[in-house]
Amino acid sequence: QVQLVESGGGLVQAGGSLRLSCAASGRFRSINVMGWYRQAPGKQRELVATQPSSGSTDYADTVKGRFTISRDNAKNTVYLQMSSLKPEDTAVYYCKAGVTTFDYVNNNYWGQGTQVTVSS
């Protein structure tokens, strides 16, 4: 089993910054893609940013230039630095990890979510 624990959410004023962290633990052969998704009330969950174990990152158009995803592979941790936050960024943010088990099975795991609220 793999557990993802997120932290760093909270309440911030528009224009402010927050940094989210997501640490993976458990037994697995490797972590492939790690990423962040978000879900606002009444809306579908959407991709925010993803980063493979090697290769280029991918961002939603709505966050390009404001959010930065990064990984510390030694710590199995992914971060999301969010700057110039807007009220429309308010959502529950979820971490997702694509994992290869010791049996060479690929599974996706989700964190429990962390609330980000941006006040105007």
N, C-alpha and C. Protein backbone atom coordinates (compact mmCIF):
# COMPACT_ATOMS: atom_id res chain seq x y z
N GLN A 1 0.83 -1.20 0.00
CA GLN A 1 0.00 0.00 0.00
C GLN A 1 0.86 1.24 0.00
N VAL A 2 0.29 2.29 -0.56
CA VAL A 2 0.98 3.57 -0.64
C VAL A 2 0.10 4.63 0.02
N GLN A 3 0.70 5.45 0.84
CA GLN A 3 -0.02 6.54 1.46
C GLN A 3 0.56 7.87 1.00
N LEU A 4 -0.32 8.81 0.72
CA LEU A 4 0.08 10.16 0.35
C LEU A 4 -0.47 11.12 1.39
N VAL A 5 0.40 11.89 1.98
CA VAL A 5 0.00 12.84 3.01
C VAL A 5 0.32 14.24 2.55
N GLU A 6 -0.72 15.06 2.44
CA GLU A 6 -0.57 16.43 1.97
C GLU A 6 -0.55 17.39 3.16
N SER A 7 0.09 18.52 2.95
CA SER A 7 0.11 19.57 3.95
C SER A 7 0.33 20.91 3.26
N GLY A 8 0.05 21.99 3.99
CA GLY A 8 0.36 23.32 3.49
C GLY A 8 -0.82 24.15 3.05
N GLY A 9 -2.01 23.59 3.05
CA GLY A 9 -3.18 24.39 2.66
C GLY A 9 -3.52 25.41 3.72
N GLY A 10 -4.49 26.26 3.39
CA GLY A 10 -4.91 27.27 4.35
C GLY A 10 -5.65 28.41 3.70
N LEU A 11 -5.79 29.48 4.48
CA LEU A 11 -6.49 30.69 4.01
C LEU A 11 -5.45 31.76 3.71
N VAL A 12 -5.58 32.38 2.55
CA VAL A 12 -4.64 33.42 2.13
C VAL A 12 -5.40 34.49 1.36
N GLN A 13 -4.90 35.71 1.42
CA GLN A 13 -5.51 36.79 0.65
C GLN A 13 -5.09 36.72 -0.80
N ALA A 14 -5.91 37.26 -1.67
CA ALA A 14 -5.58 37.33 -3.09
C ALA A 14 -4.22 38.01 -3.27
N GLY A 15 -3.43 37.44 -4.14
CA GLY A 15 -2.08 37.95 -4.37
C GLY A 15 -1.02 37.28 -3.52
N GLY A 16 -1.46 36.50 -2.54
CA GLY A 16 -0.53 35.83 -1.64
C GLY A 16 0.00 34.53 -2.21
N SER A 17 0.74 33.83 -1.36
CA SER A 17 1.40 32.59 -1.77
C SER A 17 1.16 31.50 -0.74
N LEU A 18 1.20 30.27 -1.22
CA LEU A 18 1.16 29.08 -0.37
C LEU A 18 2.02 28.01 -1.02
N ARG A 19 2.53 27.12 -0.17
CA ARG A 19 3.30 25.98 -0.68
C ARG A 19 2.69 24.70 -0.14
N LEU A 20 2.28 23.83 -1.06
CA LEU A 20 1.74 22.54 -0.69
C LEU A 20 2.83 21.48 -0.79
N SER A 21 2.75 20.49 0.11
CA SER A 21 3.66 19.36 0.08
C SER A 21 2.86 18.06 0.09
N CYS A 22 3.42 17.04 -0.53
CA CYS A 22 2.79 15.73 -0.53
C CYS A 22 3.90 14.69 -0.45
N ALA A 23 3.88 13.92 0.64
CA ALA A 23 4.90 12.90 0.86
C ALA A 23 4.29 11.52 0.68
N ALA A 24 4.96 10.69 -0.10
CA ALA A 24 4.51 9.32 -0.34
C ALA A 24 5.30 8.37 0.55
N SER A 25 4.59 7.39 1.09
CA SER A 25 5.25 6.36 1.90
C SER A 25 4.61 5.02 1.60
N GLY A 26 5.31 3.95 1.99
CA GLY A 26 4.80 2.61 1.74
C GLY A 26 5.81 1.79 0.98
N ARG A 27 5.33 0.70 0.42
CA ARG A 27 6.22 -0.20 -0.30
C ARG A 27 5.91 -0.13 -1.80
N PHE A 28 6.90 0.23 -2.58
CA PHE A 28 6.73 0.32 -4.03
C PHE A 28 8.10 0.28 -4.68
N ARG A 29 8.11 -0.09 -5.95
CA ARG A 29 9.35 -0.13 -6.69
C ARG A 29 9.79 1.26 -7.11
N SER A 30 8.83 2.03 -7.60
CA SER A 30 9.16 3.38 -8.06
C SER A 30 7.90 4.25 -8.12
N ILE A 31 8.13 5.54 -8.03
CA ILE A 31 7.05 6.50 -8.26
C ILE A 31 7.30 7.14 -9.63
N ASN A 32 6.34 7.12 -10.46
CA ASN A 32 6.48 7.63 -11.81
C ASN A 32 6.03 9.09 -11.84
N VAL A 33 4.83 9.34 -12.29
CA VAL A 33 4.32 10.70 -12.32
C VAL A 33 3.74 11.08 -10.95
N MET A 34 4.04 12.29 -10.51
CA MET A 34 3.38 12.87 -9.34
C MET A 34 2.73 14.18 -9.80
N GLY A 35 1.61 14.48 -9.20
CA GLY A 35 0.93 15.68 -9.65
C GLY A 35 -0.06 16.21 -8.65
N TRP A 36 -0.60 17.36 -8.98
CA TRP A 36 -1.61 18.02 -8.17
C TRP A 36 -2.86 18.25 -9.00
N TYR A 37 -3.99 18.01 -8.38
CA TYR A 37 -5.30 18.26 -8.97
C TYR A 37 -6.09 19.09 -7.98
N ARG A 38 -7.17 19.70 -8.44
CA ARG A 38 -8.00 20.46 -7.52
C ARG A 38 -9.47 20.31 -7.90
N GLN A 39 -10.31 20.50 -6.89
CA GLN A 39 -11.74 20.41 -7.10
C GLN A 39 -12.42 21.52 -6.31
N ALA A 40 -13.06 22.42 -7.04
CA ALA A 40 -13.82 23.49 -6.42
C ALA A 40 -15.26 23.02 -6.21
N PRO A 41 -15.99 23.63 -5.30
CA PRO A 41 -17.37 23.23 -5.05
C PRO A 41 -18.21 23.27 -6.32
N GLY A 42 -18.92 22.18 -6.60
CA GLY A 42 -19.79 22.12 -7.76
C GLY A 42 -19.08 21.90 -9.08
N LYS A 43 -17.77 21.68 -9.03
CA LYS A 43 -17.01 21.48 -10.27
C LYS A 43 -16.30 20.14 -10.25
N GLN A 44 -15.88 19.72 -11.43
CA GLN A 44 -15.14 18.47 -11.54
C GLN A 44 -13.69 18.68 -11.12
N ARG A 45 -13.08 17.59 -10.69
CA ARG A 45 -11.66 17.65 -10.37
C ARG A 45 -10.87 17.93 -11.64
N GLU A 46 -9.89 18.82 -11.55
CA GLU A 46 -9.10 19.19 -12.72
C GLU A 46 -7.62 19.13 -12.42
N LEU A 47 -6.85 18.90 -13.47
CA LEU A 47 -5.41 18.86 -13.34
C LEU A 47 -4.87 20.27 -13.09
N VAL A 48 -3.91 20.34 -12.16
CA VAL A 48 -3.20 21.60 -11.92
C VAL A 48 -1.80 21.53 -12.52
N ALA A 49 -1.05 20.50 -12.12
CA ALA A 49 0.31 20.35 -12.60
C ALA A 49 0.76 18.92 -12.36
N THR A 50 1.61 18.42 -13.26
CA THR A 50 2.19 17.09 -13.10
C THR A 50 3.67 17.13 -13.42
N GLN A 51 4.39 16.20 -12.79
CA GLN A 51 5.81 16.09 -13.07
C GLN A 51 6.20 14.62 -13.06
N PRO A 52 6.73 14.11 -14.16
CA PRO A 52 7.20 12.73 -14.19
C PRO A 52 8.52 12.60 -13.44
N SER A 53 8.96 11.36 -13.25
CA SER A 53 10.22 11.15 -12.55
C SER A 53 11.38 11.76 -13.33
N SER A 54 11.24 11.80 -14.63
CA SER A 54 12.19 12.53 -15.47
C SER A 54 11.41 13.08 -16.64
N GLY A 55 11.80 14.25 -17.08
CA GLY A 55 11.07 14.87 -18.18
C GLY A 55 10.44 16.17 -17.77
N SER A 56 9.66 16.71 -18.66
CA SER A 56 9.13 18.06 -18.46
C SER A 56 7.83 18.04 -17.66
N THR A 57 7.56 19.16 -17.02
CA THR A 57 6.33 19.35 -16.27
C THR A 57 5.19 19.77 -17.18
N ASP A 58 3.99 19.68 -16.64
CA ASP A 58 2.80 20.08 -17.39
C ASP A 58 1.91 20.89 -16.45
N TYR A 59 1.38 21.98 -16.94
CA TYR A 59 0.55 22.86 -16.12
C TYR A 59 -0.78 23.15 -16.82
N ALA A 60 -1.80 23.35 -16.02
CA ALA A 60 -3.05 23.88 -16.56
C ALA A 60 -2.80 25.32 -17.01
N ASP A 61 -3.47 25.72 -18.05
CA ASP A 61 -3.29 27.09 -18.57
C ASP A 61 -3.61 28.13 -17.49
N THR A 62 -4.55 27.81 -16.63
CA THR A 62 -5.00 28.78 -15.63
C THR A 62 -3.96 29.06 -14.56
N VAL A 63 -2.94 28.21 -14.44
CA VAL A 63 -1.94 28.41 -13.39
C VAL A 63 -0.54 28.66 -13.93
N LYS A 64 -0.37 28.57 -15.23
CA LYS A 64 0.96 28.79 -15.81
C LYS A 64 1.48 30.17 -15.44
N GLY A 65 2.75 30.18 -15.04
CA GLY A 65 3.37 31.44 -14.66
C GLY A 65 3.14 31.82 -13.21
N ARG A 66 2.22 31.14 -12.54
CA ARG A 66 1.93 31.45 -11.13
C ARG A 66 2.29 30.29 -10.20
N PHE A 67 2.11 29.06 -10.67
CA PHE A 67 2.37 27.87 -9.86
C PHE A 67 3.61 27.16 -10.38
N THR A 68 4.35 26.54 -9.47
CA THR A 68 5.52 25.76 -9.84
C THR A 68 5.50 24.43 -9.11
N ILE A 69 5.58 23.34 -9.86
CA ILE A 69 5.65 22.01 -9.27
C ILE A 69 7.11 21.57 -9.24
N SER A 70 7.47 20.87 -8.16
CA SER A 70 8.82 20.34 -8.05
C SER A 70 8.77 19.05 -7.25
N ARG A 71 9.84 18.26 -7.38
CA ARG A 71 9.91 16.97 -6.68
C ARG A 71 11.25 16.81 -6.00
N ASP A 72 11.21 16.12 -4.88
CA ASP A 72 12.42 15.65 -4.22
C ASP A 72 12.32 14.13 -4.24
N ASN A 73 12.96 13.51 -5.22
CA ASN A 73 12.80 12.07 -5.39
C ASN A 73 13.38 11.29 -4.21
N ALA A 74 14.40 11.82 -3.57
CA ALA A 74 14.99 11.13 -2.42
C ALA A 74 14.00 11.06 -1.26
N LYS A 75 13.10 12.04 -1.19
CA LYS A 75 12.12 12.08 -0.11
C LYS A 75 10.73 11.63 -0.58
N ASN A 76 10.62 11.23 -1.84
CA ASN A 76 9.32 10.83 -2.40
C ASN A 76 8.26 11.90 -2.15
N THR A 77 8.65 13.12 -2.37
CA THR A 77 7.79 14.26 -2.05
C THR A 77 7.65 15.17 -3.27
N VAL A 78 6.43 15.66 -3.45
CA VAL A 78 6.16 16.63 -4.50
C VAL A 78 5.63 17.90 -3.85
N TYR A 79 6.00 19.02 -4.42
CA TYR A 79 5.61 20.32 -3.89
C TYR A 79 4.85 21.11 -4.95
N LEU A 80 4.03 22.02 -4.48
CA LEU A 80 3.37 22.96 -5.38
C LEU A 80 3.50 24.35 -4.77
N GLN A 81 4.34 25.17 -5.37
CA GLN A 81 4.48 26.55 -4.94
C GLN A 81 3.46 27.39 -5.71
N MET A 82 2.57 28.02 -4.97
CA MET A 82 1.50 28.79 -5.58
C MET A 82 1.69 30.27 -5.23
N SER A 83 1.77 31.09 -6.25
CA SER A 83 1.97 32.53 -6.07
C SER A 83 0.87 33.28 -6.82
N SER A 84 0.76 34.56 -6.50
CA SER A 84 -0.26 35.41 -7.13
C SER A 84 -1.63 34.73 -7.12
N LEU A 85 -1.98 34.22 -5.97
CA LEU A 85 -3.23 33.46 -5.85
C LEU A 85 -4.45 34.33 -6.09
N LYS A 86 -5.44 33.72 -6.69
CA LYS A 86 -6.70 34.38 -7.02
C LYS A 86 -7.86 33.68 -6.31
N PRO A 87 -8.94 34.36 -6.08
CA PRO A 87 -10.10 33.69 -5.45
C PRO A 87 -10.54 32.45 -6.22
N GLU A 88 -10.39 32.46 -7.53
CA GLU A 88 -10.79 31.29 -8.33
C GLU A 88 -9.87 30.09 -8.15
N ASP A 89 -8.77 30.26 -7.42
CA ASP A 89 -7.90 29.13 -7.08
C ASP A 89 -8.42 28.38 -5.86
N THR A 90 -9.45 28.90 -5.23
CA THR A 90 -10.02 28.24 -4.06
C THR A 90 -10.56 26.86 -4.44
N ALA A 91 -10.10 25.85 -3.73
CA ALA A 91 -10.47 24.47 -4.02
C ALA A 91 -9.83 23.55 -3.00
N VAL A 92 -10.24 22.30 -3.05
CA VAL A 92 -9.49 21.25 -2.35
C VAL A 92 -8.44 20.73 -3.32
N TYR A 93 -7.21 20.73 -2.88
CA TYR A 93 -6.10 20.29 -3.71
C TYR A 93 -5.70 18.88 -3.33
N TYR A 94 -5.61 18.02 -4.35
CA TYR A 94 -5.29 16.62 -4.16
C TYR A 94 -3.95 16.27 -4.82
N CYS A 95 -3.19 15.48 -4.13
CA CYS A 95 -1.94 14.93 -4.68
C CYS A 95 -2.25 13.57 -5.30
N LYS A 96 -1.60 13.28 -6.40
CA LYS A 96 -1.75 11.98 -7.07
C LYS A 96 -0.38 11.44 -7.42
N ALA A 97 -0.20 10.14 -7.24
CA ALA A 97 1.06 9.52 -7.59
C ALA A 97 0.81 8.25 -8.39
N GLY A 98 1.52 8.11 -9.47
CA GLY A 98 1.52 6.88 -10.25
C GLY A 98 2.68 6.03 -9.79
N VAL A 99 2.38 4.83 -9.29
CA VAL A 99 3.36 4.00 -8.61
C VAL A 99 3.49 2.66 -9.31
N THR A 100 4.71 2.14 -9.38
CA THR A 100 4.95 0.77 -9.83
C THR A 100 5.29 -0.08 -8.62
N THR A 101 4.53 -1.15 -8.42
CA THR A 101 4.77 -2.01 -7.25
C THR A 101 5.93 -2.97 -7.53
N PHE A 102 6.30 -3.73 -6.51
CA PHE A 102 7.36 -4.72 -6.67
C PHE A 102 6.94 -5.84 -7.61
N ASP A 103 5.64 -5.98 -7.86
CA ASP A 103 5.14 -6.97 -8.82
C ASP A 103 4.97 -6.37 -10.21
N TYR A 104 5.50 -5.16 -10.38
CA TYR A 104 5.44 -4.47 -11.66
C TYR A 104 4.00 -4.16 -12.08
N VAL A 105 3.17 -3.87 -11.10
CA VAL A 105 1.81 -3.39 -11.36
C VAL A 105 1.79 -1.88 -11.17
N ASN A 106 1.15 -1.19 -12.10
CA ASN A 106 1.05 0.27 -12.02
C ASN A 106 -0.29 0.65 -11.41
N ASN A 107 -0.22 1.41 -10.34
CA ASN A 107 -1.43 1.89 -9.67
C ASN A 107 -1.34 3.39 -9.45
N ASN A 108 -2.50 4.02 -9.36
CA ASN A 108 -2.58 5.44 -9.01
C ASN A 108 -3.12 5.58 -7.60
N TYR A 109 -2.54 6.49 -6.85
CA TYR A 109 -2.98 6.75 -5.49
C TYR A 109 -3.25 8.24 -5.32
N TRP A 110 -4.22 8.53 -4.43
CA TRP A 110 -4.60 9.91 -4.16
C TRP A 110 -4.40 10.23 -2.69
N GLY A 111 -4.06 11.47 -2.42
CA GLY A 111 -4.03 11.95 -1.06
C GLY A 111 -5.44 12.32 -0.61
N GLN A 112 -5.53 12.73 0.66
CA GLN A 112 -6.83 13.02 1.25
C GLN A 112 -7.34 14.41 0.89
N GLY A 113 -6.49 15.24 0.36
CA GLY A 113 -6.87 16.59 -0.03
C GLY A 113 -6.56 17.61 1.03
N THR A 114 -6.24 18.81 0.59
CA THR A 114 -5.99 19.92 1.50
C THR A 114 -6.70 21.16 0.97
N GLN A 115 -7.38 21.86 1.84
CA GLN A 115 -8.19 23.00 1.42
C GLN A 115 -7.32 24.24 1.23
N VAL A 116 -7.51 24.89 0.11
CA VAL A 116 -6.90 26.19 -0.16
C VAL A 116 -8.03 27.19 -0.39
N THR A 117 -8.04 28.25 0.40
CA THR A 117 -9.07 29.28 0.28
C THR A 117 -8.39 30.62 0.07
N VAL A 118 -8.76 31.29 -1.02
CA VAL A 118 -8.19 32.59 -1.34
C VAL A 118 -9.28 33.65 -1.21
N SER A 119 -9.09 34.58 -0.31
CA SER A 119 -10.08 35.62 -0.08
C SER A 119 -9.78 36.84 -0.95
N SER A 120 -10.83 37.53 -1.35
CA SER A 120 -10.65 38.70 -2.21
C SER A 120 -10.46 39.97 -1.40
